[in-house]
Amino acid sequence: MITDEQREKLRGWFTGRLPDELFEGLVEVVVDREEITVIGRIPGPRLAEDVSAAEREAAVQGRIQEFRERTREDRIAVAREAEHKFRRKVSWGVECEGERTLFTHVAAPVMTRLRQPERRVLDTLIAGGVARSRSDALAWCVRLVERHTDDWLAELRESLEHVQRVRAQGPDVEVADSATTADTAATADSATTDDSSTMDDSSSADAEDG
């Protein structure tokens, strides 16, 4: 779990390291255990006031593509430094005229054990054409939870950050961390063998943008 202080330091590093001419402004820096996603704002294309919605949309998409190609080398250089410093992959995206586009993303594999009632939920989604595979169905469920429980998840993250701050102030952080790791390993070893595993095997990243 990333604390607010760690997130602010990471955003500050990108603010200072990014070339001044790259973005109009840094919109968002999102981080988890595997990935840092950097979203910046770029200027929109110059258009006449009476252009159609279709023309405006096409012009924005063209401007985003132009930015992506023109800044590729600069972004790769920053990403390499950040990946070495923070031990996470860097993904990029932009906002232009209210349109947000992600250039790259990391799809990290996640393994879980599911009992029959839970597997039947995934299989129902597959049978209904909602998902192509169990891993696809599991990802769909996660997105559904994210969409409908934003407030609850935000409150949970804040609580976890508070716990981390309190632990960091204690005298025996290393001992506590070692004990937690040992307990986690023991729990994993004792998992029942009659459970089935589902793994998202769609790990991928757009290598051209680092």
N, C-alpha and C. Protein backbone atom coordinates (compact mmCIF):
# COMPACT_ATOMS: atom_id res chain seq x y z
N MET A 1 0.84 -1.19 0.00
CA MET A 1 0.00 0.00 0.00
C MET A 1 0.88 1.25 0.00
N ILE A 2 0.59 2.20 -0.88
CA ILE A 2 1.36 3.43 -0.99
C ILE A 2 0.73 4.51 -0.12
N THR A 3 1.54 5.14 0.73
CA THR A 3 1.02 6.21 1.58
C THR A 3 0.91 7.51 0.80
N ASP A 4 0.17 8.47 1.38
CA ASP A 4 0.02 9.79 0.73
C ASP A 4 1.38 10.46 0.58
N GLU A 5 2.24 10.34 1.58
CA GLU A 5 3.55 10.97 1.51
C GLU A 5 4.39 10.38 0.38
N GLN A 6 4.37 9.05 0.23
CA GLN A 6 5.12 8.40 -0.84
C GLN A 6 4.56 8.82 -2.20
N ARG A 7 3.23 8.93 -2.28
CA ARG A 7 2.60 9.33 -3.54
C ARG A 7 2.98 10.77 -3.90
N GLU A 8 3.02 11.64 -2.90
CA GLU A 8 3.39 13.04 -3.15
C GLU A 8 4.84 13.16 -3.58
N LYS A 9 5.73 12.37 -2.97
CA LYS A 9 7.14 12.40 -3.36
C LYS A 9 7.31 11.91 -4.79
N LEU A 10 6.57 10.87 -5.15
CA LEU A 10 6.66 10.34 -6.50
C LEU A 10 6.15 11.36 -7.52
N ARG A 11 5.02 11.99 -7.21
CA ARG A 11 4.49 13.02 -8.12
C ARG A 11 5.48 14.18 -8.23
N GLY A 12 6.10 14.56 -7.10
CA GLY A 12 7.08 15.64 -7.13
C GLY A 12 8.27 15.30 -8.00
N TRP A 13 8.71 14.03 -7.97
CA TRP A 13 9.84 13.63 -8.80
C TRP A 13 9.50 13.79 -10.28
N PHE A 14 8.32 13.34 -10.67
CA PHE A 14 7.92 13.47 -12.07
C PHE A 14 7.74 14.94 -12.45
N THR A 15 7.19 15.74 -11.56
CA THR A 15 7.02 17.16 -11.85
C THR A 15 8.36 17.82 -12.15
N GLY A 16 9.39 17.46 -11.36
CA GLY A 16 10.70 18.04 -11.57
C GLY A 16 11.46 17.44 -12.73
N ARG A 17 11.22 16.18 -13.02
CA ARG A 17 12.01 15.48 -14.05
C ARG A 17 11.45 15.64 -15.46
N LEU A 18 10.16 15.79 -15.60
CA LEU A 18 9.58 15.91 -16.94
C LEU A 18 10.01 17.21 -17.61
N PRO A 19 10.36 17.18 -18.88
CA PRO A 19 10.70 18.42 -19.60
C PRO A 19 9.54 19.41 -19.52
N ASP A 20 9.86 20.70 -19.37
CA ASP A 20 8.82 21.71 -19.20
C ASP A 20 7.85 21.75 -20.37
N GLU A 21 8.36 21.45 -21.57
CA GLU A 21 7.52 21.57 -22.76
C GLU A 21 6.71 20.30 -23.04
N LEU A 22 6.86 19.26 -22.20
CA LEU A 22 6.18 18.00 -22.50
C LEU A 22 4.67 18.13 -22.32
N PHE A 23 4.24 18.61 -21.14
CA PHE A 23 2.82 18.76 -20.84
C PHE A 23 2.50 20.21 -20.48
N GLU A 24 1.25 20.61 -20.71
CA GLU A 24 0.77 21.88 -20.15
C GLU A 24 0.71 21.79 -18.64
N GLY A 25 0.38 20.63 -18.15
CA GLY A 25 0.33 20.40 -16.72
C GLY A 25 0.22 18.92 -16.42
N LEU A 26 0.68 18.52 -15.24
CA LEU A 26 0.60 17.13 -14.82
C LEU A 26 -0.76 16.91 -14.16
N VAL A 27 -1.60 16.10 -14.77
CA VAL A 27 -2.96 15.90 -14.28
C VAL A 27 -3.00 14.91 -13.12
N GLU A 28 -2.32 13.77 -13.30
CA GLU A 28 -2.45 12.70 -12.32
C GLU A 28 -1.26 11.76 -12.40
N VAL A 29 -0.83 11.25 -11.25
CA VAL A 29 0.16 10.19 -11.18
C VAL A 29 -0.42 9.11 -10.28
N VAL A 30 -0.73 7.96 -10.87
CA VAL A 30 -1.35 6.86 -10.15
C VAL A 30 -0.32 5.74 -10.00
N VAL A 31 -0.23 5.16 -8.80
CA VAL A 31 0.79 4.15 -8.55
C VAL A 31 0.20 2.98 -7.77
N ASP A 32 0.63 1.77 -8.12
CA ASP A 32 0.37 0.59 -7.31
C ASP A 32 1.65 -0.22 -7.24
N ARG A 33 1.58 -1.50 -6.89
CA ARG A 33 2.80 -2.29 -6.69
C ARG A 33 3.56 -2.54 -7.99
N GLU A 34 2.86 -2.57 -9.13
CA GLU A 34 3.51 -2.91 -10.38
C GLU A 34 3.75 -1.74 -11.32
N GLU A 35 2.96 -0.67 -11.20
CA GLU A 35 2.92 0.31 -12.29
C GLU A 35 2.74 1.73 -11.78
N ILE A 36 3.36 2.67 -12.50
CA ILE A 36 3.12 4.10 -12.32
C ILE A 36 2.51 4.63 -13.61
N THR A 37 1.34 5.24 -13.51
CA THR A 37 0.68 5.81 -14.69
C THR A 37 0.72 7.32 -14.59
N VAL A 38 1.32 7.95 -15.60
CA VAL A 38 1.48 9.41 -15.63
C VAL A 38 0.53 9.99 -16.68
N ILE A 39 -0.37 10.87 -16.23
CA ILE A 39 -1.33 11.51 -17.13
C ILE A 39 -1.01 13.01 -17.18
N GLY A 40 -0.82 13.54 -18.39
CA GLY A 40 -0.55 14.96 -18.55
C GLY A 40 -1.54 15.61 -19.49
N ARG A 41 -1.69 16.93 -19.37
CA ARG A 41 -2.60 17.68 -20.23
C ARG A 41 -1.83 18.29 -21.39
N ILE A 42 -2.37 18.15 -22.61
CA ILE A 42 -1.74 18.74 -23.78
C ILE A 42 -2.73 19.70 -24.45
N PRO A 43 -2.23 20.70 -25.17
CA PRO A 43 -3.14 21.67 -25.82
C PRO A 43 -3.92 21.02 -26.95
N GLY A 44 -5.14 21.48 -27.12
CA GLY A 44 -5.98 20.96 -28.19
C GLY A 44 -5.65 21.61 -29.52
N PRO A 45 -6.16 21.05 -30.60
CA PRO A 45 -5.92 21.63 -31.92
C PRO A 45 -6.70 22.93 -32.11
N ARG A 46 -6.18 23.79 -32.96
CA ARG A 46 -6.89 25.04 -33.26
C ARG A 46 -7.96 24.77 -34.31
N LEU A 47 -9.20 25.05 -33.95
CA LEU A 47 -10.32 24.76 -34.84
C LEU A 47 -11.25 25.96 -34.90
N ALA A 48 -11.96 26.05 -36.01
CA ALA A 48 -12.97 27.09 -36.13
C ALA A 48 -14.13 26.77 -35.19
N GLU A 49 -14.83 27.80 -34.76
CA GLU A 49 -15.91 27.60 -33.80
C GLU A 49 -17.07 26.79 -34.36
N ASP A 50 -17.24 26.81 -35.68
CA ASP A 50 -18.41 26.15 -36.26
C ASP A 50 -18.13 24.76 -36.80
N VAL A 51 -17.00 24.13 -36.40
CA VAL A 51 -16.71 22.78 -36.90
C VAL A 51 -17.67 21.79 -36.28
N SER A 52 -17.91 20.70 -36.97
CA SER A 52 -18.82 19.67 -36.49
C SER A 52 -18.18 18.89 -35.35
N ALA A 53 -19.02 18.17 -34.59
CA ALA A 53 -18.53 17.35 -33.48
C ALA A 53 -17.60 16.25 -33.99
N ALA A 54 -17.92 15.68 -35.16
CA ALA A 54 -17.11 14.61 -35.73
C ALA A 54 -15.71 15.13 -36.09
N GLU A 55 -15.67 16.32 -36.69
CA GLU A 55 -14.38 16.90 -37.07
C GLU A 55 -13.55 17.23 -35.83
N ARG A 56 -14.21 17.76 -34.80
CA ARG A 56 -13.50 18.11 -33.58
C ARG A 56 -12.91 16.85 -32.92
N GLU A 57 -13.70 15.80 -32.86
CA GLU A 57 -13.23 14.55 -32.26
C GLU A 57 -12.03 13.98 -33.02
N ALA A 58 -12.12 14.01 -34.36
CA ALA A 58 -11.01 13.50 -35.17
C ALA A 58 -9.76 14.34 -34.99
N ALA A 59 -9.94 15.65 -34.87
CA ALA A 59 -8.79 16.54 -34.68
C ALA A 59 -8.11 16.28 -33.34
N VAL A 60 -8.89 16.04 -32.30
CA VAL A 60 -8.33 15.75 -30.98
C VAL A 60 -7.54 14.45 -31.01
N GLN A 61 -8.12 13.43 -31.65
CA GLN A 61 -7.42 12.14 -31.74
C GLN A 61 -6.12 12.29 -32.54
N GLY A 62 -6.17 13.11 -33.59
CA GLY A 62 -4.96 13.35 -34.37
C GLY A 62 -3.89 14.08 -33.56
N ARG A 63 -4.30 15.04 -32.73
CA ARG A 63 -3.35 15.76 -31.89
C ARG A 63 -2.72 14.82 -30.86
N ILE A 64 -3.53 13.93 -30.29
CA ILE A 64 -3.00 12.97 -29.31
C ILE A 64 -1.98 12.04 -29.96
N GLN A 65 -2.28 11.56 -31.16
CA GLN A 65 -1.35 10.68 -31.86
C GLN A 65 -0.06 11.42 -32.22
N GLU A 66 -0.19 12.68 -32.64
CA GLU A 66 1.00 13.48 -32.96
C GLU A 66 1.88 13.64 -31.74
N PHE A 67 1.26 13.92 -30.58
CA PHE A 67 2.02 14.06 -29.34
C PHE A 67 2.72 12.75 -29.00
N ARG A 68 2.02 11.66 -29.15
CA ARG A 68 2.60 10.36 -28.79
C ARG A 68 3.85 10.07 -29.61
N GLU A 69 3.79 10.30 -30.89
CA GLU A 69 4.93 10.01 -31.76
C GLU A 69 6.08 11.00 -31.52
N ARG A 70 5.76 12.27 -31.35
CA ARG A 70 6.79 13.30 -31.21
C ARG A 70 7.56 13.20 -29.90
N THR A 71 6.89 12.75 -28.85
CA THR A 71 7.53 12.76 -27.52
C THR A 71 8.01 11.38 -27.08
N ARG A 72 7.97 10.41 -27.98
CA ARG A 72 8.29 9.04 -27.60
C ARG A 72 9.67 8.91 -26.94
N GLU A 73 10.69 9.48 -27.55
CA GLU A 73 12.05 9.33 -27.02
C GLU A 73 12.19 9.99 -25.65
N ASP A 74 11.61 11.18 -25.47
CA ASP A 74 11.67 11.86 -24.18
C ASP A 74 10.97 11.03 -23.11
N ARG A 75 9.83 10.48 -23.43
CA ARG A 75 9.08 9.71 -22.43
C ARG A 75 9.79 8.41 -22.08
N ILE A 76 10.41 7.78 -23.06
CA ILE A 76 11.16 6.55 -22.79
C ILE A 76 12.33 6.83 -21.86
N ALA A 77 13.02 7.96 -22.08
CA ALA A 77 14.16 8.31 -21.23
C ALA A 77 13.72 8.52 -19.78
N VAL A 78 12.62 9.23 -19.58
CA VAL A 78 12.11 9.45 -18.22
C VAL A 78 11.65 8.13 -17.60
N ALA A 79 10.98 7.30 -18.41
CA ALA A 79 10.47 6.03 -17.89
C ALA A 79 11.60 5.13 -17.42
N ARG A 80 12.69 5.09 -18.15
CA ARG A 80 13.82 4.24 -17.75
C ARG A 80 14.39 4.68 -16.41
N GLU A 81 14.54 5.98 -16.21
CA GLU A 81 15.04 6.48 -14.94
C GLU A 81 14.07 6.15 -13.80
N ALA A 82 12.78 6.34 -14.06
CA ALA A 82 11.76 6.09 -13.02
C ALA A 82 11.68 4.60 -12.68
N GLU A 83 11.78 3.74 -13.70
CA GLU A 83 11.71 2.31 -13.44
C GLU A 83 12.90 1.84 -12.61
N HIS A 84 14.06 2.44 -12.83
CA HIS A 84 15.24 2.10 -12.05
C HIS A 84 15.10 2.62 -10.61
N LYS A 85 14.54 3.80 -10.46
CA LYS A 85 14.44 4.44 -9.15
C LYS A 85 13.32 3.83 -8.30
N PHE A 86 12.15 3.60 -8.92
CA PHE A 86 10.98 3.17 -8.16
C PHE A 86 10.65 1.70 -8.32
N ARG A 87 11.36 0.98 -9.19
CA ARG A 87 11.15 -0.47 -9.39
C ARG A 87 9.74 -0.78 -9.84
N ARG A 88 9.19 0.06 -10.70
CA ARG A 88 7.87 -0.16 -11.26
C ARG A 88 7.88 0.26 -12.74
N LYS A 89 7.03 -0.37 -13.53
CA LYS A 89 6.86 0.03 -14.92
C LYS A 89 6.15 1.37 -14.99
N VAL A 90 6.45 2.14 -16.02
CA VAL A 90 5.82 3.45 -16.21
C VAL A 90 4.93 3.42 -17.44
N SER A 91 3.70 3.86 -17.27
CA SER A 91 2.75 3.98 -18.37
C SER A 91 2.38 5.45 -18.56
N TRP A 92 1.95 5.78 -19.77
CA TRP A 92 1.69 7.18 -20.10
C TRP A 92 0.27 7.37 -20.64
N GLY A 93 -0.26 8.56 -20.41
CA GLY A 93 -1.54 8.93 -20.98
C GLY A 93 -1.66 10.44 -21.04
N VAL A 94 -2.65 10.94 -21.78
CA VAL A 94 -2.85 12.38 -21.91
C VAL A 94 -4.32 12.73 -21.80
N GLU A 95 -4.57 13.98 -21.45
CA GLU A 95 -5.89 14.58 -21.55
C GLU A 95 -5.82 15.72 -22.54
N CYS A 96 -6.76 15.73 -23.49
CA CYS A 96 -6.80 16.77 -24.51
C CYS A 96 -8.26 17.12 -24.79
N GLU A 97 -8.63 18.36 -24.51
CA GLU A 97 -10.00 18.82 -24.73
C GLU A 97 -11.02 17.90 -24.02
N GLY A 98 -10.68 17.47 -22.81
CA GLY A 98 -11.59 16.62 -22.03
C GLY A 98 -11.54 15.16 -22.37
N GLU A 99 -10.74 14.78 -23.37
CA GLU A 99 -10.61 13.37 -23.78
C GLU A 99 -9.36 12.78 -23.15
N ARG A 100 -9.51 11.67 -22.44
CA ARG A 100 -8.36 11.00 -21.82
C ARG A 100 -8.02 9.74 -22.60
N THR A 101 -6.74 9.59 -22.93
CA THR A 101 -6.25 8.43 -23.68
C THR A 101 -5.02 7.86 -23.00
N LEU A 102 -5.01 6.56 -22.76
CA LEU A 102 -3.85 5.87 -22.21
C LEU A 102 -3.05 5.26 -23.35
N PHE A 103 -1.74 5.51 -23.38
CA PHE A 103 -0.88 4.95 -24.41
C PHE A 103 -0.48 3.52 -24.07
N THR A 104 -0.18 3.27 -22.82
CA THR A 104 0.32 1.98 -22.40
C THR A 104 -0.35 1.56 -21.11
N HIS A 105 -0.29 0.28 -20.81
CA HIS A 105 -0.76 -0.19 -19.52
C HIS A 105 -0.16 -1.55 -19.25
N VAL A 106 -0.10 -1.90 -17.98
CA VAL A 106 0.39 -3.20 -17.56
C VAL A 106 -0.81 -4.03 -17.11
N ALA A 107 -0.97 -5.21 -17.70
CA ALA A 107 -2.00 -6.15 -17.25
C ALA A 107 -1.29 -7.24 -16.45
N ALA A 108 -1.29 -7.09 -15.13
CA ALA A 108 -0.52 -7.98 -14.27
C ALA A 108 -1.32 -9.25 -13.95
N PRO A 109 -0.67 -10.42 -14.01
CA PRO A 109 -1.37 -11.67 -13.66
C PRO A 109 -1.65 -11.73 -12.17
N VAL A 110 -2.85 -12.20 -11.81
CA VAL A 110 -3.24 -12.33 -10.41
C VAL A 110 -3.84 -13.71 -10.21
N MET A 111 -3.35 -14.45 -9.21
CA MET A 111 -3.85 -15.79 -8.94
C MET A 111 -4.75 -15.77 -7.72
N THR A 112 -5.84 -16.52 -7.78
CA THR A 112 -6.75 -16.63 -6.65
C THR A 112 -7.35 -18.02 -6.61
N ARG A 113 -7.84 -18.42 -5.44
CA ARG A 113 -8.51 -19.72 -5.28
C ARG A 113 -10.01 -19.48 -5.16
N LEU A 114 -10.78 -20.16 -5.96
CA LEU A 114 -12.23 -19.98 -5.96
C LEU A 114 -12.92 -21.31 -5.73
N ARG A 115 -13.95 -21.30 -4.88
CA ARG A 115 -14.78 -22.48 -4.67
C ARG A 115 -15.86 -22.53 -5.73
N GLN A 116 -16.61 -23.63 -5.74
CA GLN A 116 -17.56 -23.87 -6.83
C GLN A 116 -18.59 -22.75 -7.02
N PRO A 117 -19.22 -22.24 -5.96
CA PRO A 117 -20.19 -21.15 -6.18
C PRO A 117 -19.58 -19.94 -6.86
N GLU A 118 -18.34 -19.63 -6.50
CA GLU A 118 -17.66 -18.49 -7.11
C GLU A 118 -17.29 -18.78 -8.55
N ARG A 119 -16.85 -20.02 -8.82
CA ARG A 119 -16.53 -20.39 -10.21
C ARG A 119 -17.78 -20.36 -11.08
N ARG A 120 -18.93 -20.72 -10.49
CA ARG A 120 -20.18 -20.72 -11.27
C ARG A 120 -20.56 -19.30 -11.68
N VAL A 121 -20.23 -18.31 -10.83
CA VAL A 121 -20.48 -16.92 -11.21
C VAL A 121 -19.69 -16.57 -12.47
N LEU A 122 -18.42 -16.94 -12.49
CA LEU A 122 -17.58 -16.65 -13.66
C LEU A 122 -18.08 -17.38 -14.89
N ASP A 123 -18.47 -18.66 -14.69
CA ASP A 123 -18.96 -19.45 -15.83
C ASP A 123 -20.26 -18.90 -16.39
N THR A 124 -21.10 -18.33 -15.52
CA THR A 124 -22.35 -17.70 -15.98
C THR A 124 -22.05 -16.48 -16.85
N LEU A 125 -21.07 -15.69 -16.44
CA LEU A 125 -20.68 -14.53 -17.24
C LEU A 125 -20.15 -14.96 -18.60
N ILE A 126 -19.43 -16.08 -18.63
CA ILE A 126 -18.92 -16.59 -19.91
C ILE A 126 -20.06 -17.07 -20.78
N ALA A 127 -20.98 -17.83 -20.19
CA ALA A 127 -22.12 -18.36 -20.95
C ALA A 127 -23.00 -17.24 -21.48
N GLY A 128 -23.07 -16.14 -20.73
CA GLY A 128 -23.90 -15.02 -21.17
C GLY A 128 -23.22 -14.10 -22.16
N GLY A 129 -21.98 -14.41 -22.52
CA GLY A 129 -21.26 -13.61 -23.50
C GLY A 129 -20.65 -12.34 -22.92
N VAL A 130 -20.68 -12.20 -21.60
CA VAL A 130 -20.08 -11.02 -20.98
C VAL A 130 -18.56 -11.10 -21.00
N ALA A 131 -18.03 -12.32 -20.85
CA ALA A 131 -16.58 -12.53 -20.81
C ALA A 131 -16.22 -13.74 -21.65
N ARG A 132 -14.95 -13.79 -22.07
CA ARG A 132 -14.49 -14.88 -22.93
C ARG A 132 -13.86 -16.02 -22.13
N SER A 133 -13.39 -15.71 -20.92
CA SER A 133 -12.71 -16.72 -20.11
C SER A 133 -12.93 -16.40 -18.64
N ARG A 134 -12.51 -17.31 -17.77
CA ARG A 134 -12.66 -17.05 -16.34
C ARG A 134 -11.82 -15.84 -15.90
N SER A 135 -10.63 -15.73 -16.44
CA SER A 135 -9.80 -14.57 -16.08
C SER A 135 -10.46 -13.28 -16.55
N ASP A 136 -11.06 -13.32 -17.74
CA ASP A 136 -11.78 -12.17 -18.27
C ASP A 136 -12.97 -11.82 -17.37
N ALA A 137 -13.69 -12.85 -16.94
CA ALA A 137 -14.85 -12.65 -16.08
C ALA A 137 -14.44 -12.09 -14.72
N LEU A 138 -13.33 -12.55 -14.19
CA LEU A 138 -12.85 -12.05 -12.91
C LEU A 138 -12.49 -10.57 -13.00
N ALA A 139 -11.83 -10.19 -14.09
CA ALA A 139 -11.49 -8.78 -14.30
C ALA A 139 -12.76 -7.93 -14.41
N TRP A 140 -13.80 -8.48 -15.07
CA TRP A 140 -15.08 -7.78 -15.21
C TRP A 140 -15.69 -7.53 -13.84
N CYS A 141 -15.63 -8.53 -12.95
CA CYS A 141 -16.17 -8.39 -11.61
C CYS A 141 -15.44 -7.30 -10.82
N VAL A 142 -14.12 -7.25 -10.97
CA VAL A 142 -13.33 -6.24 -10.27
C VAL A 142 -13.74 -4.84 -10.74
N ARG A 143 -13.91 -4.69 -12.06
CA ARG A 143 -14.31 -3.37 -12.59
C ARG A 143 -15.69 -2.99 -12.08
N LEU A 144 -16.60 -3.97 -11.95
CA LEU A 144 -17.95 -3.69 -11.45
C LEU A 144 -17.90 -3.23 -10.00
N VAL A 145 -17.10 -3.88 -9.19
CA VAL A 145 -16.96 -3.48 -7.79
C VAL A 145 -16.37 -2.08 -7.70
N GLU A 146 -15.34 -1.81 -8.51
CA GLU A 146 -14.70 -0.49 -8.51
C GLU A 146 -15.69 0.61 -8.86
N ARG A 147 -16.57 0.33 -9.80
CA ARG A 147 -17.52 1.33 -10.28
C ARG A 147 -18.55 1.69 -9.21
N HIS A 148 -18.97 0.68 -8.42
CA HIS A 148 -20.09 0.90 -7.50
C HIS A 148 -19.68 1.10 -6.05
N THR A 149 -18.40 0.99 -5.75
CA THR A 149 -17.98 1.13 -4.35
C THR A 149 -16.80 2.09 -4.22
N ASP A 150 -16.78 3.13 -5.03
CA ASP A 150 -15.66 4.09 -5.01
C ASP A 150 -15.46 4.69 -3.63
N ASP A 151 -16.56 5.12 -2.98
CA ASP A 151 -16.44 5.78 -1.68
C ASP A 151 -15.90 4.81 -0.64
N TRP A 152 -16.41 3.59 -0.65
CA TRP A 152 -15.98 2.59 0.34
C TRP A 152 -14.50 2.25 0.15
N LEU A 153 -14.07 2.08 -1.11
CA LEU A 153 -12.68 1.77 -1.39
C LEU A 153 -11.76 2.92 -0.98
N ALA A 154 -12.20 4.14 -1.24
CA ALA A 154 -11.40 5.31 -0.86
C ALA A 154 -11.23 5.36 0.66
N GLU A 155 -12.30 5.09 1.40
CA GLU A 155 -12.22 5.09 2.86
C GLU A 155 -11.30 3.98 3.35
N LEU A 156 -11.36 2.81 2.70
CA LEU A 156 -10.50 1.69 3.08
C LEU A 156 -9.04 2.04 2.84
N ARG A 157 -8.73 2.66 1.71
CA ARG A 157 -7.34 3.05 1.41
C ARG A 157 -6.83 4.04 2.45
N GLU A 158 -7.68 5.00 2.83
CA GLU A 158 -7.27 5.97 3.84
C GLU A 158 -6.98 5.29 5.17
N SER A 159 -7.78 4.30 5.53
CA SER A 159 -7.56 3.57 6.78
C SER A 159 -6.24 2.81 6.74
N LEU A 160 -5.95 2.18 5.60
CA LEU A 160 -4.71 1.43 5.47
C LEU A 160 -3.50 2.36 5.54
N GLU A 161 -3.61 3.54 4.95
CA GLU A 161 -2.51 4.50 5.01
C GLU A 161 -2.26 4.94 6.45
N HIS A 162 -3.35 5.12 7.23
CA HIS A 162 -3.20 5.49 8.63
C HIS A 162 -2.49 4.39 9.41
N VAL A 163 -2.85 3.14 9.15
CA VAL A 163 -2.20 2.00 9.82
C VAL A 163 -0.71 1.98 9.49
N GLN A 164 -0.36 2.21 8.24
CA GLN A 164 1.04 2.21 7.84
C GLN A 164 1.82 3.32 8.53
N ARG A 165 1.21 4.50 8.65
CA ARG A 165 1.90 5.61 9.31
C ARG A 165 2.15 5.29 10.79
N VAL A 166 1.16 4.68 11.46
CA VAL A 166 1.32 4.33 12.86
C VAL A 166 2.40 3.26 13.03
N ARG A 167 2.41 2.26 12.14
CA ARG A 167 3.43 1.21 12.22
C ARG A 167 4.83 1.78 12.02
N ALA A 168 4.94 2.74 11.10
CA ALA A 168 6.26 3.32 10.81
C ALA A 168 6.83 4.07 12.00
N GLN A 169 5.96 4.52 12.92
CA GLN A 169 6.42 5.26 14.09
C GLN A 169 6.85 4.33 15.22
N GLY A 170 6.58 3.03 15.10
CA GLY A 170 6.90 2.08 16.15
C GLY A 170 8.36 1.71 16.17
N PRO A 171 8.85 1.15 17.30
CA PRO A 171 10.28 0.83 17.44
C PRO A 171 10.69 -0.49 16.80
N ASP A 172 9.72 -1.38 16.53
CA ASP A 172 10.07 -2.73 16.07
C ASP A 172 9.47 -3.02 14.72
N VAL A 173 9.66 -2.09 13.76
CA VAL A 173 9.06 -2.23 12.44
C VAL A 173 9.58 -3.48 11.73
N GLU A 174 10.92 -3.68 11.75
CA GLU A 174 11.51 -4.81 11.03
C GLU A 174 11.04 -6.13 11.62
N VAL A 175 10.96 -6.20 12.97
CA VAL A 175 10.51 -7.44 13.60
C VAL A 175 9.07 -7.73 13.23
N ALA A 176 8.23 -6.70 13.26
CA ALA A 176 6.82 -6.88 12.92
C ALA A 176 6.65 -7.30 11.49
N ASP A 177 7.42 -6.69 10.59
CA ASP A 177 7.32 -7.06 9.19
C ASP A 177 7.72 -8.51 8.97
N SER A 178 8.77 -8.97 9.66
CA SER A 178 9.23 -10.35 9.52
C SER A 178 8.17 -11.31 10.01
N ALA A 179 7.54 -10.97 11.15
CA ALA A 179 6.50 -11.84 11.68
C ALA A 179 5.31 -11.92 10.75
N THR A 180 4.94 -10.77 10.16
CA THR A 180 3.82 -10.76 9.23
C THR A 180 4.11 -11.62 8.01
N THR A 181 5.34 -11.50 7.49
CA THR A 181 5.72 -12.30 6.33
C THR A 181 5.67 -13.78 6.65
N ALA A 182 6.15 -14.16 7.84
CA ALA A 182 6.15 -15.57 8.22
C ALA A 182 4.73 -16.10 8.35
N ASP A 183 3.83 -15.29 8.98
CA ASP A 183 2.44 -15.71 9.13
C ASP A 183 1.77 -15.87 7.78
N THR A 184 2.04 -14.94 6.85
CA THR A 184 1.45 -15.01 5.51
C THR A 184 1.91 -16.27 4.78
N ALA A 185 3.20 -16.59 4.87
CA ALA A 185 3.72 -17.78 4.21
C ALA A 185 3.10 -19.04 4.79
N ALA A 186 2.93 -19.08 6.13
CA ALA A 186 2.35 -20.26 6.76
C ALA A 186 0.91 -20.44 6.32
N THR A 187 0.17 -19.33 6.22
CA THR A 187 -1.22 -19.40 5.78
C THR A 187 -1.32 -19.91 4.36
N ALA A 188 -0.43 -19.43 3.48
CA ALA A 188 -0.45 -19.86 2.08
C ALA A 188 -0.15 -21.34 1.96
N ASP A 189 0.81 -21.85 2.79
CA ASP A 189 1.18 -23.26 2.72
C ASP A 189 0.05 -24.16 3.17
N SER A 190 -0.82 -23.66 4.06
CA SER A 190 -1.87 -24.50 4.62
C SER A 190 -3.16 -24.42 3.84
N ALA A 191 -3.17 -23.75 2.69
CA ALA A 191 -4.39 -23.64 1.88
C ALA A 191 -4.82 -25.01 1.41
N THR A 192 -6.13 -25.25 1.37
CA THR A 192 -6.63 -26.56 0.97
C THR A 192 -6.35 -26.82 -0.48
N THR A 193 -6.06 -28.07 -0.82
CA THR A 193 -5.65 -28.42 -2.17
C THR A 193 -6.83 -28.68 -3.07
N ASP A 194 -8.07 -28.74 -2.51
CA ASP A 194 -9.21 -29.04 -3.36
C ASP A 194 -9.83 -27.79 -3.95
N ASP A 195 -9.19 -26.62 -3.69
CA ASP A 195 -9.65 -25.38 -4.34
C ASP A 195 -9.04 -25.28 -5.72
N SER A 196 -9.76 -24.65 -6.66
CA SER A 196 -9.25 -24.44 -8.01
C SER A 196 -8.66 -23.06 -8.11
N SER A 197 -7.70 -22.86 -9.04
CA SER A 197 -7.02 -21.57 -9.21
C SER A 197 -7.45 -20.94 -10.50
N THR A 198 -7.60 -19.63 -10.45
CA THR A 198 -7.89 -18.86 -11.65
C THR A 198 -6.80 -17.84 -11.82
N MET A 199 -6.21 -17.73 -13.00
CA MET A 199 -5.09 -16.81 -13.21
C MET A 199 -5.34 -15.98 -14.43
N ASP A 200 -5.18 -14.68 -14.27
CA ASP A 200 -5.27 -13.76 -15.41
C ASP A 200 -3.95 -13.84 -16.15
N ASP A 201 -3.96 -14.47 -17.31
CA ASP A 201 -2.72 -14.69 -18.05
C ASP A 201 -2.54 -13.67 -19.16
N SER A 202 -3.17 -12.49 -18.98
CA SER A 202 -3.11 -11.49 -20.04
C SER A 202 -2.04 -10.46 -19.82
N SER A 203 -0.96 -10.83 -19.07
CA SER A 203 0.09 -9.86 -18.78
C SER A 203 0.68 -9.31 -20.06
N SER A 204 0.62 -7.98 -20.19
CA SER A 204 1.15 -7.37 -21.41
C SER A 204 1.46 -5.92 -21.15
N ALA A 205 2.29 -5.36 -22.03
CA ALA A 205 2.58 -3.93 -21.95
C ALA A 205 3.00 -3.47 -23.32
N ASP A 206 2.70 -2.22 -23.62
CA ASP A 206 3.09 -1.65 -24.90
C ASP A 206 4.56 -1.26 -24.82
N ALA A 207 5.47 -2.11 -25.32
CA ALA A 207 6.89 -1.92 -25.13
C ALA A 207 7.42 -0.68 -25.82
N GLU A 208 6.75 -0.23 -26.84
CA GLU A 208 7.30 0.87 -27.62
C GLU A 208 7.38 2.17 -26.82
N ASP A 209 6.56 2.28 -25.73
CA ASP A 209 6.57 3.49 -24.92
C ASP A 209 7.28 3.27 -23.59
N GLY A 210 7.94 2.16 -23.41
CA GLY A 210 8.62 1.92 -22.14
C GLY A 210 7.64 1.78 -21.01
